[in-house]
C-alpha atoms as a PDB file:
ATOM      1  CA  MET A   1      -6.074  12.655 -14.635  1.00  0.00           C
ATOM      2  CA  LYS A   2      -8.724  13.111 -11.994  1.00  0.00           C
ATOM      3  CA  ASN A   3      -7.447  15.092  -9.007  1.00  0.00           C
ATOM      4  CA  PRO A   4      -3.879  13.656  -8.953  1.00  0.00           C
ATOM      5  CA  PHE A   5      -1.948  13.918  -5.695  1.00  0.00           C
ATOM      6  CA  LEU A   6       1.202  11.970  -6.635  1.00  0.00           C
ATOM      7  CA  SER A   7       2.078  11.050 -10.181  1.00  0.00           C
ATOM      8  CA  GLY A   8       4.355   8.395 -11.629  1.00  0.00           C
ATOM      9  CA  THR A   9       5.054   7.116 -15.112  1.00  0.00           C
ATOM     10  CA  LYS A  10       2.175   4.627 -15.399  1.00  0.00           C
ATOM     11  CA  VAL A  11      -0.047   5.455 -12.431  1.00  0.00           C
ATOM     12  CA  TYR A  12      -1.106   8.348 -10.281  1.00  0.00           C
ATOM     13  CA  LEU A  13      -2.425   8.458  -6.746  1.00  0.00           C
ATOM     14  CA  ARG A  14      -5.518  10.435  -5.877  1.00  0.00           C
ATOM     15  CA  PRO A  15      -7.884  10.910  -2.965  1.00  0.00           C
ATOM     16  CA  LEU A  16     -10.585   8.286  -2.672  1.00  0.00           C
ATOM     17  CA  GLU A  17     -14.098   9.612  -3.248  1.00  0.00           C
ATOM     18  CA  ARG A  18     -17.477   8.353  -2.051  1.00  0.00           C
ATOM     19  CA  GLU A  19     -18.175   7.402  -5.679  1.00  0.00           C
ATOM     20  CA  ASP A  20     -15.261   4.907  -5.492  1.00  0.00           C
ATOM     21  CA  ALA A  21     -16.893   2.811  -2.767  1.00  0.00           C
ATOM     22  CA  PRO A  22     -19.002   0.615  -5.114  1.00  0.00           C
ATOM     23  CA  LEU A  23     -15.824  -0.332  -6.986  1.00  0.00           C
ATOM     24  CA  LEU A  24     -13.783  -0.990  -3.831  1.00  0.00           C
ATOM     25  CA  VAL A  25     -16.309  -3.244  -2.052  1.00  0.00           C
ATOM     26  CA  PRO A  26     -16.145  -6.189  -4.490  1.00  0.00           C
ATOM     27  CA  TRP A  27     -12.349  -6.121  -4.363  1.00  0.00           C
ATOM     28  CA  ILE A  28     -12.348  -6.158  -0.570  1.00  0.00           C
ATOM     29  CA  ASN A  29     -14.753  -9.103  -0.623  1.00  0.00           C
ATOM     30  CA  ASP A  30     -12.616 -11.042  -3.123  1.00  0.00           C
ATOM     31  CA  ALA A  31     -10.530 -13.646  -1.261  1.00  0.00           C
ATOM     32  CA  GLU A  32      -7.928 -13.703  -4.049  1.00  0.00           C
ATOM     33  CA  VAL A  33      -7.388  -9.935  -3.690  1.00  0.00           C
ATOM     34  CA  THR A  34      -7.332  -9.863   0.110  1.00  0.00           C
ATOM     35  CA  ARG A  35      -5.211 -12.979   0.682  1.00  0.00           C
ATOM     36  CA  THR A  36      -2.148 -10.708   0.979  1.00  0.00           C
ATOM     37  CA  LEU A  37      -3.778  -8.091   3.230  1.00  0.00           C
ATOM     38  CA  GLU A  38      -3.668  -8.013   7.018  1.00  0.00           C
ATOM     39  CA  VAL A  39      -6.937  -6.328   7.823  1.00  0.00           C
ATOM     40  CA  PHE A  40      -9.672  -7.880   5.705  1.00  0.00           C
ATOM     41  CA  TYR A  41     -11.222 -11.103   6.922  1.00  0.00           C
ATOM     42  CA  ARG A  42     -14.898 -10.172   7.206  1.00  0.00           C
ATOM     43  CA  PRO A  43     -17.345  -9.272   4.468  1.00  0.00           C
ATOM     44  CA  MET A  44     -17.572  -5.562   3.665  1.00  0.00           C
ATOM     45  CA  ASN A  45     -20.717  -3.751   2.607  1.00  0.00           C
ATOM     46  CA  LEU A  46     -21.157  -0.441   0.831  1.00  0.00           C
ATOM     47  CA  GLN A  47     -22.100   1.471   3.980  1.00  0.00           C
ATOM     48  CA  THR A  48     -18.966   0.330   5.812  1.00  0.00           C
ATOM     49  CA  GLU A  49     -16.761   1.349   2.892  1.00  0.00           C
ATOM     50  CA  LEU A  50     -18.452   4.765   2.668  1.00  0.00           C
ATOM     51  CA  GLU A  51     -17.819   5.284   6.389  1.00  0.00           C
ATOM     52  CA  PHE A  52     -14.171   4.259   5.928  1.00  0.00           C
ATOM     53  CA  ILE A  53     -13.705   6.804   3.134  1.00  0.00           C
ATOM     54  CA  GLU A  54     -15.339   9.539   5.225  1.00  0.00           C
ATOM     55  CA  ASN A  55     -13.279   8.727   8.315  1.00  0.00           C
ATOM     56  CA  ILE A  56      -9.910   8.274   6.643  1.00  0.00           C
ATOM     57  CA  TYR A  57      -9.716  11.967   5.806  1.00  0.00           C
ATOM     58  CA  LYS A  58     -10.311  12.862   9.454  1.00  0.00           C
ATOM     59  CA  SER A  59      -7.428  10.680  10.627  1.00  0.00           C
ATOM     60  CA  GLU A  60      -4.140  12.298  11.569  1.00  0.00           C
ATOM     61  CA  HIS A  61      -2.468   8.874  11.517  1.00  0.00           C
ATOM     62  CA  ASP A  62      -3.344   7.679   8.005  1.00  0.00           C
ATOM     63  CA  VAL A  63      -2.883   8.848   4.426  1.00  0.00           C
ATOM     64  CA  VAL A  64      -4.911   6.689   2.020  1.00  0.00           C
ATOM     65  CA  LEU A  65      -5.002   7.211  -1.734  1.00  0.00           C
ATOM     66  CA  GLY A  66      -6.583   5.520  -4.708  1.00  0.00           C
ATOM     67  CA  ILE A  67      -4.352   4.059  -7.424  1.00  0.00           C
ATOM     68  CA  ALA A  68      -5.366   5.060 -10.954  1.00  0.00           C
ATOM     69  CA  VAL A  69      -3.853   4.139 -14.322  1.00  0.00           C
ATOM     70  CA  LYS A  70      -2.719   7.304 -16.113  1.00  0.00           C
ATOM     71  CA  GLN A  71      -3.730   6.132 -19.571  1.00  0.00           C
ATOM     72  CA  THR A  72      -7.357   5.331 -18.632  1.00  0.00           C
ATOM     73  CA  ASP A  73      -8.014   7.096 -15.297  1.00  0.00           C
ATOM     74  CA  ALA A  74      -9.319   3.718 -14.076  1.00  0.00           C
ATOM     75  CA  LEU A  75      -9.111   3.150 -10.323  1.00  0.00           C
ATOM     76  CA  ILE A  76      -7.343  -0.169  -9.760  1.00  0.00           C
ATOM     77  CA  GLY A  77      -6.585  -0.227  -6.035  1.00  0.00           C
ATOM     78  CA  ALA A  78      -5.550   1.723  -2.968  1.00  0.00           C
ATOM     79  CA  THR A  79      -2.447   2.448  -0.945  1.00  0.00           C
ATOM     80  CA  GLY A  80      -1.610   4.165   2.276  1.00  0.00           C
ATOM     81  CA  LEU A  81       0.691   5.133   5.062  1.00  0.00           C
ATOM     82  CA  HIS A  82      -0.740   4.098   8.408  1.00  0.00           C
ATOM     83  CA  ARG A  83       0.108   4.513  12.073  1.00  0.00           C
ATOM     84  CA  LEU A  84       1.857   7.786  11.247  1.00  0.00           C
ATOM     85  CA  ASP A  85       4.020   8.577  14.257  1.00  0.00           C
ATOM     86  CA  GLY A  86       5.387  12.129  14.188  1.00  0.00           C
ATOM     87  CA  LYS A  87       7.464  11.753  17.335  1.00  0.00           C
ATOM     88  CA  ASN A  88       9.383   8.735  16.069  1.00  0.00           C
ATOM     89  CA  ARG A  89       8.969   9.752  12.398  1.00  0.00           C
ATOM     90  CA  ARG A  90       7.711   6.404  11.127  1.00  0.00           C
ATOM     91  CA  ALA A  91       4.708   4.841   9.422  1.00  0.00           C
ATOM     92  CA  SER A  92       3.576   1.504   8.058  1.00  0.00           C
ATOM     93  CA  PHE A  93       2.919   1.048   4.355  1.00  0.00           C
ATOM     94  CA  GLY A  94       0.117  -0.861   2.670  1.00  0.00           C
ATOM     95  CA  ILE A  95      -1.088  -1.440  -0.876  1.00  0.00           C
ATOM     96  CA  PHE A  96      -3.535  -3.525  -2.815  1.00  0.00           C
ATOM     97  CA  ILE A  97      -4.333  -3.764  -6.499  1.00  0.00           C
ATOM     98  CA  GLY A  98      -7.934  -4.911  -6.637  1.00  0.00           C
ATOM     99  CA  GLU A  99      -8.291  -5.055 -10.404  1.00  0.00           C
ATOM    100  CA  LYS A 100      -6.788  -8.477 -11.132  1.00  0.00           C
ATOM    101  CA  ALA A 101      -6.378  -7.733 -14.859  1.00  0.00           C
ATOM    102  CA  GLU A 102      -3.801  -5.116 -13.801  1.00  0.00           C
ATOM    103  CA  TRP A 103      -1.642  -7.494 -11.747  1.00  0.00           C
ATOM    104  CA  GLY A 104       1.915  -8.083 -12.902  1.00  0.00           C
ATOM    105  CA  LYS A 105       2.323  -4.778 -14.744  1.00  0.00           C
ATOM    106  CA  GLY A 106       4.747  -3.126 -12.321  1.00  0.00           C
ATOM    107  CA  TYR A 107       2.140  -0.826 -10.797  1.00  0.00           C
ATOM    108  CA  GLY A 108       2.847  -2.084  -7.276  1.00  0.00           C
ATOM    109  CA  THR A 109       6.522  -1.197  -7.506  1.00  0.00           C
ATOM    110  CA  GLU A 110       5.741   2.255  -8.888  1.00  0.00           C
ATOM    111  CA  VAL A 111       3.153   2.940  -6.177  1.00  0.00           C
ATOM    112  CA  THR A 112       5.544   1.760  -3.461  1.00  0.00           C
ATOM    113  CA  THR A 113       8.190   4.133  -4.842  1.00  0.00           C
ATOM    114  CA  LEU A 114       5.760   7.069  -4.944  1.00  0.00           C
ATOM    115  CA  MET A 115       4.529   6.509  -1.386  1.00  0.00           C
ATOM    116  CA  THR A 116       8.004   5.925   0.021  1.00  0.00           C
ATOM    117  CA  GLY A 117       9.236   9.131  -1.599  1.00  0.00           C
ATOM    118  CA  TYR A 118       6.246  10.995  -0.179  1.00  0.00           C
ATOM    119  CA  ALA A 119       6.960   9.577   3.286  1.00  0.00           C
ATOM    120  CA  PHE A 120      10.574  10.757   3.305  1.00  0.00           C
ATOM    121  CA  GLU A 121      10.489  13.875   1.159  1.00  0.00           C
ATOM    122  CA  THR A 122       7.162  15.412   2.188  1.00  0.00           C
ATOM    123  CA  LEU A 123       6.232  13.956   5.575  1.00  0.00           C
ATOM    124  CA  ASN A 124       9.854  14.001   6.796  1.00  0.00           C
ATOM    125  CA  LEU A 125       9.674  10.439   8.112  1.00  0.00           C
ATOM    126  CA  ASN A 126      12.775   8.422   8.953  1.00  0.00           C
ATOM    127  CA  ARG A 127      11.388   4.887   8.633  1.00  0.00           C
ATOM    128  CA  VAL A 128       8.696   3.161   6.600  1.00  0.00           C
ATOM    129  CA  TRP A 129       7.902  -0.428   7.511  1.00  0.00           C
ATOM    130  CA  LEU A 130       5.507  -3.136   6.408  1.00  0.00           C
ATOM    131  CA  HIS A 131       4.412  -6.683   7.050  1.00  0.00           C
ATOM    132  CA  VAL A 132       4.205  -9.125   4.157  1.00  0.00           C
ATOM    133  CA  TYR A 133       3.211 -12.778   4.223  1.00  0.00           C
ATOM    134  CA  GLU A 134       5.833 -15.269   3.077  1.00  0.00           C
ATOM    135  CA  TYR A 135       3.585 -16.473   0.242  1.00  0.00           C
ATOM    136  CA  ASN A 136       3.324 -12.972  -1.270  1.00  0.00           C
ATOM    137  CA  GLU A 137       6.386 -13.370  -3.475  1.00  0.00           C
ATOM    138  CA  ARG A 138       5.276 -10.681  -5.949  1.00  0.00           C
ATOM    139  CA  GLY A 139       4.932  -8.159  -3.104  1.00  0.00           C
ATOM    140  CA  ILE A 140       8.284  -9.073  -1.584  1.00  0.00           C
ATOM    141  CA  ARG A 141      10.017  -8.555  -4.957  1.00  0.00           C
ATOM    142  CA  ALA A 142       8.363  -5.152  -5.391  1.00  0.00           C
ATOM    143  CA  TYR A 143       9.364  -3.993  -1.906  1.00  0.00           C
ATOM    144  CA  GLU A 144      12.946  -5.167  -2.395  1.00  0.00           C
ATOM    145  CA  LYS A 145      13.145  -3.322  -5.749  1.00  0.00           C
ATOM    146  CA  VAL A 146      12.267  -0.103  -3.925  1.00  0.00           C
ATOM    147  CA  GLY A 147      14.892  -0.740  -1.220  1.00  0.00           C
ATOM    148  CA  PHE A 148      13.002  -2.341   1.649  1.00  0.00           C
ATOM    149  CA  THR A 149      15.060  -4.899   3.554  1.00  0.00           C
ATOM    150  CA  ARG A 150      13.947  -7.830   5.658  1.00  0.00           C
ATOM    151  CA  GLU A 151      14.268  -7.132   9.350  1.00  0.00           C
ATOM    152  CA  GLY A 152      12.638 -10.116  10.957  1.00  0.00           C
ATOM    153  CA  VAL A 153      10.107 -12.890  10.839  1.00  0.00           C
ATOM    154  CA  LEU A 154       6.981 -13.389  12.899  1.00  0.00           C
ATOM    155  CA  ARG A 155       6.898 -17.165  12.798  1.00  0.00           C
ATOM    156  CA  GLN A 156       3.572 -18.847  12.004  1.00  0.00           C
ATOM    157  CA  ASP A 157       1.837 -15.505  12.489  1.00  0.00           C
ATOM    158  CA  ARG A 158      -0.944 -15.920   9.890  1.00  0.00           C
ATOM    159  CA  TYR A 159      -3.462 -18.717   9.562  1.00  0.00           C
ATOM    160  CA  HIS A 160      -4.620 -18.890   5.958  1.00  0.00           C
ATOM    161  CA  GLU A 161      -5.654 -21.590   3.508  1.00  0.00           C
ATOM    162  CA  GLY A 162      -5.471 -24.329   6.133  1.00  0.00           C
ATOM    163  CA  ARG A 163      -2.022 -23.666   7.559  1.00  0.00           C
ATOM    164  CA  TYR A 164       0.158 -21.177   9.409  1.00  0.00           C
ATOM    165  CA  TRP A 165       2.461 -18.815   7.487  1.00  0.00           C
ATOM    166  CA  ASP A 166       5.292 -16.529   8.548  1.00  0.00           C
ATOM    167  CA  THR A 167       4.929 -12.766   8.401  1.00  0.00           C
ATOM    168  CA  ILE A 168       8.056 -10.921   7.249  1.00  0.00           C
ATOM    169  CA  THR A 169       8.813  -7.458   8.613  1.00  0.00           C
ATOM    170  CA  MET A 170      10.504  -5.204   6.073  1.00  0.00           C
ATOM    171  CA  ALA A 171      11.550  -1.553   6.283  1.00  0.00           C
ATOM    172  CA  ILE A 172      13.459   1.198   4.569  1.00  0.00           C
ATOM    173  CA  LEU A 173      15.197   4.089   6.312  1.00  0.00           C
ATOM    174  CA  ARG A 174      15.521   7.615   5.002  1.00  0.00           C
ATOM    175  CA  GLU A 175      19.311   7.261   4.649  1.00  0.00           C
ATOM    176  CA  GLU A 176      18.831   4.114   2.528  1.00  0.00           C
ATOM    177  CA  TRP A 177      16.256   5.897   0.354  1.00  0.00           C
ATOM    178  CA  GLU A 178      18.575   8.849  -0.174  1.00  0.00           C
ATOM    179  CA  ALA A 179      21.555   6.593  -0.982  1.00  0.00           C
ATOM    180  CA  ARG A 180      19.452   4.763  -3.623  1.00  0.00           C
ATOM    181  CA  LYS A 181      18.377   8.081  -5.146  1.00  0.00           C
ATOM    182  CA  ARG A 182      22.026   9.205  -5.409  1.00  0.00           C
ATOM    183  CA  GLN A 183      22.939   5.920  -7.165  1.00  0.00           C
ATOM    184  CA  VAL A 184      20.187   6.421  -9.770  1.00  0.00           C
ATOM    185  CA  ARG A 185      21.432   9.900 -10.726  1.00  0.00           C
END
């Protein structure tokens, strides 16, 4: 493992490095990869990605990590906690698996579990929330497996593929996380 920060069964999370930028850029420019992401709708170049990697480690409101497969050390995506709010003890969660050959292997659920645990057990947050588009059924299943619940719907919030889609707000609270952990034991 290369510089692991959080480790699961199949994947580990590590800091992104400048050397990762050439791998990340094609994923961010792939419409199939970014169709489930809120922030990417313009082309990305290498310089912009390098600047993002440099700046993310200066941010007090974001924790962004690369997702690597334990067996191969291959970087397959990125995840993060964003809009960290220490006063209200909350953050938003995001994830993408850019390597399409790795889709459907349960990595998203494991990463979501690792980051949610980090949010509650290390950062002492009380709430982790996310937005997910209604057509991202695989993402919704993964979030529900970890314990996120639907809180509301932003109706026709996203224009994509020629029509408007709803955005679902989901969240998990610390007390729900802890109750799930007690059930597993």
